[in-house]
Structure formats: C-alpha cells, structure tokens
Amino acid sequence: MRYKIELTKKAVKYLKSLDKKTYNRMINHLKILSENPYHPELDIKKFQGKENVYRLRIGNYRVL
C-alpha cells in the first residue's frame, strides 16, 4: 500500500533550492515514507505540543 505525500508550494520551492545531494536524500526518505510510514530506518517521532503531528528527521532537516 502506498501513501500519498502532499507538499506545499513553499516546500517544493525550498526542496528545489537545495543542493543535489541533500535534495536526493530528502526525496529518497519521502519515497520510503510513502511506502511504509513505520519503516525502522526512519527517525519518526511525535511532535511535542501538537496532537496528531509527527516529524521525520533527515539530517538537520525536519519534515512534519
């Protein structure tokens, strides 16, 4: 089962501004997330102070 990941226009614009290595790393993690949001290699934790919000850590970046 594949999950749908929606990005805001601002997020897409920011992704495109990243260097190629970081961009590819982010896209690869998002692909893994779309295939299995409970994948053991992903650093996903509940976002503190918010209900039903989780964050994915990719290096120095956080994806909510």
N, C-alpha and C. Protein backbone atom coordinates (compact mmCIF):
# COMPACT_ATOMS: atom_id res chain seq x y z
N MET A 1 0.84 -1.18 0.00
CA MET A 1 0.00 0.00 0.00
C MET A 1 0.89 1.24 0.00
N ARG A 2 0.60 2.16 -0.88
CA ARG A 2 1.36 3.42 -0.95
C ARG A 2 0.52 4.52 -0.32
N TYR A 3 1.19 5.39 0.40
CA TYR A 3 0.54 6.54 0.99
C TYR A 3 0.84 7.77 0.15
N LYS A 4 -0.03 8.74 0.23
CA LYS A 4 0.13 9.96 -0.55
C LYS A 4 0.80 11.02 0.32
N ILE A 5 1.84 11.63 -0.21
CA ILE A 5 2.53 12.71 0.49
C ILE A 5 2.24 13.99 -0.27
N GLU A 6 1.71 14.97 0.43
CA GLU A 6 1.40 16.25 -0.19
C GLU A 6 2.37 17.30 0.33
N LEU A 7 2.95 18.05 -0.59
CA LEU A 7 3.87 19.11 -0.23
C LEU A 7 3.26 20.46 -0.60
N THR A 8 3.49 21.45 0.24
CA THR A 8 3.03 22.79 -0.09
C THR A 8 3.91 23.36 -1.20
N LYS A 9 3.43 24.41 -1.85
CA LYS A 9 4.23 25.05 -2.90
C LYS A 9 5.54 25.58 -2.32
N LYS A 10 5.47 26.09 -1.10
CA LYS A 10 6.66 26.61 -0.43
C LYS A 10 7.68 25.50 -0.17
N ALA A 11 7.20 24.33 0.21
CA ALA A 11 8.09 23.19 0.47
C ALA A 11 8.76 22.72 -0.82
N VAL A 12 8.00 22.66 -1.92
CA VAL A 12 8.55 22.25 -3.21
C VAL A 12 9.62 23.24 -3.66
N LYS A 13 9.32 24.52 -3.51
CA LYS A 13 10.28 25.56 -3.89
C LYS A 13 11.56 25.43 -3.06
N TYR A 14 11.41 25.17 -1.77
CA TYR A 14 12.58 25.02 -0.90
C TYR A 14 13.39 23.78 -1.28
N LEU A 15 12.70 22.67 -1.55
CA LEU A 15 13.40 21.45 -1.96
C LEU A 15 14.23 21.69 -3.22
N LYS A 16 13.66 22.41 -4.17
CA LYS A 16 14.36 22.68 -5.42
C LYS A 16 15.58 23.57 -5.22
N SER A 17 15.60 24.34 -4.13
CA SER A 17 16.72 25.24 -3.87
C SER A 17 17.90 24.53 -3.19
N LEU A 18 17.67 23.31 -2.73
CA LEU A 18 18.73 22.56 -2.03
C LEU A 18 19.77 22.04 -3.02
N ASP A 19 20.97 21.76 -2.48
CA ASP A 19 21.98 21.14 -3.34
C ASP A 19 21.53 19.74 -3.71
N LYS A 20 22.10 19.21 -4.78
CA LYS A 20 21.63 17.95 -5.36
C LYS A 20 21.69 16.78 -4.36
N LYS A 21 22.76 16.70 -3.58
CA LYS A 21 22.92 15.60 -2.62
C LYS A 21 21.82 15.63 -1.56
N THR A 22 21.57 16.81 -1.00
CA THR A 22 20.53 16.95 0.03
C THR A 22 19.15 16.71 -0.56
N TYR A 23 18.92 17.25 -1.76
CA TYR A 23 17.63 17.06 -2.45
C TYR A 23 17.35 15.57 -2.64
N ASN A 24 18.33 14.83 -3.16
CA ASN A 24 18.14 13.39 -3.40
C ASN A 24 17.89 12.65 -2.09
N ARG A 25 18.58 13.03 -1.03
CA ARG A 25 18.39 12.38 0.27
C ARG A 25 16.97 12.62 0.78
N MET A 26 16.49 13.86 0.64
CA MET A 26 15.13 14.18 1.09
C MET A 26 14.09 13.39 0.28
N ILE A 27 14.25 13.37 -1.04
CA ILE A 27 13.31 12.65 -1.91
C ILE A 27 13.31 11.16 -1.58
N ASN A 28 14.48 10.58 -1.37
CA ASN A 28 14.56 9.15 -1.04
C ASN A 28 13.84 8.85 0.27
N HIS A 29 14.01 9.69 1.28
CA HIS A 29 13.32 9.48 2.55
C HIS A 29 11.80 9.63 2.38
N LEU A 30 11.38 10.58 1.57
CA LEU A 30 9.94 10.75 1.35
C LEU A 30 9.35 9.57 0.60
N LYS A 31 10.12 8.98 -0.32
CA LYS A 31 9.65 7.78 -1.02
C LYS A 31 9.49 6.62 -0.05
N ILE A 32 10.47 6.45 0.83
CA ILE A 32 10.39 5.39 1.85
C ILE A 32 9.16 5.63 2.73
N LEU A 33 8.95 6.88 3.13
CA LEU A 33 7.80 7.23 3.96
C LEU A 33 6.49 6.91 3.27
N SER A 34 6.42 7.16 1.96
CA SER A 34 5.17 6.89 1.23
C SER A 34 4.89 5.40 1.11
N GLU A 35 5.94 4.58 1.15
CA GLU A 35 5.76 3.14 1.05
C GLU A 35 5.44 2.52 2.41
N ASN A 36 6.08 3.04 3.46
CA ASN A 36 5.88 2.48 4.79
C ASN A 36 6.19 3.54 5.84
N PRO A 37 5.17 4.20 6.41
CA PRO A 37 5.43 5.24 7.39
C PRO A 37 5.99 4.71 8.72
N TYR A 38 6.03 3.40 8.88
CA TYR A 38 6.56 2.80 10.11
C TYR A 38 7.90 2.12 9.86
N HIS A 39 8.58 2.48 8.80
CA HIS A 39 9.85 1.88 8.42
C HIS A 39 10.87 2.10 9.55
N PRO A 40 11.58 1.05 9.96
CA PRO A 40 12.51 1.17 11.09
C PRO A 40 13.70 2.09 10.84
N GLU A 41 14.08 2.33 9.58
CA GLU A 41 15.22 3.20 9.29
C GLU A 41 14.88 4.68 9.42
N LEU A 42 13.59 5.01 9.43
CA LEU A 42 13.17 6.41 9.50
C LEU A 42 13.12 6.86 10.95
N ASP A 43 13.60 8.07 11.19
CA ASP A 43 13.59 8.66 12.53
C ASP A 43 12.32 9.49 12.68
N ILE A 44 11.22 8.81 13.03
CA ILE A 44 9.92 9.47 13.16
C ILE A 44 9.52 9.47 14.63
N LYS A 45 9.14 10.65 15.11
CA LYS A 45 8.70 10.79 16.49
C LYS A 45 7.51 11.73 16.54
N LYS A 46 6.74 11.62 17.63
CA LYS A 46 5.61 12.51 17.83
C LYS A 46 6.14 13.92 18.09
N PHE A 47 5.53 14.91 17.45
CA PHE A 47 5.91 16.30 17.61
C PHE A 47 5.36 16.81 18.93
N GLN A 48 6.22 17.28 19.81
CA GLN A 48 5.78 17.70 21.14
C GLN A 48 4.92 18.96 21.08
N GLY A 49 3.87 18.95 21.86
CA GLY A 49 2.99 20.11 21.95
C GLY A 49 1.88 20.14 20.92
N LYS A 50 1.84 19.17 20.02
CA LYS A 50 0.80 19.13 18.98
C LYS A 50 0.16 17.76 18.98
N GLU A 51 -1.14 17.73 18.71
CA GLU A 51 -1.84 16.46 18.61
C GLU A 51 -1.79 15.95 17.18
N ASN A 52 -1.56 14.68 17.01
CA ASN A 52 -1.56 14.01 15.71
C ASN A 52 -0.58 14.63 14.71
N VAL A 53 0.53 15.13 15.20
CA VAL A 53 1.58 15.67 14.33
C VAL A 53 2.86 14.90 14.63
N TYR A 54 3.48 14.42 13.56
CA TYR A 54 4.73 13.68 13.69
C TYR A 54 5.80 14.35 12.85
N ARG A 55 7.05 14.11 13.22
CA ARG A 55 8.15 14.68 12.45
C ARG A 55 9.09 13.58 11.99
N LEU A 56 9.62 13.80 10.81
CA LEU A 56 10.62 12.91 10.22
C LEU A 56 11.92 13.68 10.20
N ARG A 57 12.93 13.16 10.83
CA ARG A 57 14.23 13.83 10.87
C ARG A 57 15.11 13.30 9.73
N ILE A 58 15.62 14.23 8.93
CA ILE A 58 16.53 13.89 7.84
C ILE A 58 17.73 14.81 8.00
N GLY A 59 18.75 14.33 8.68
CA GLY A 59 19.93 15.17 8.95
C GLY A 59 19.54 16.34 9.82
N ASN A 60 19.83 17.55 9.34
CA ASN A 60 19.48 18.76 10.09
C ASN A 60 18.08 19.25 9.76
N TYR A 61 17.36 18.55 8.93
CA TYR A 61 16.02 18.96 8.49
C TYR A 61 14.95 18.16 9.20
N ARG A 62 13.78 18.78 9.34
CA ARG A 62 12.62 18.12 9.94
C ARG A 62 11.45 18.25 8.96
N VAL A 63 10.76 17.16 8.74
CA VAL A 63 9.58 17.15 7.89
C VAL A 63 8.41 16.84 8.80
N LEU A 64 7.40 17.70 8.80
CA LEU A 64 6.21 17.47 9.64
C LEU A 64 5.12 16.82 8.83
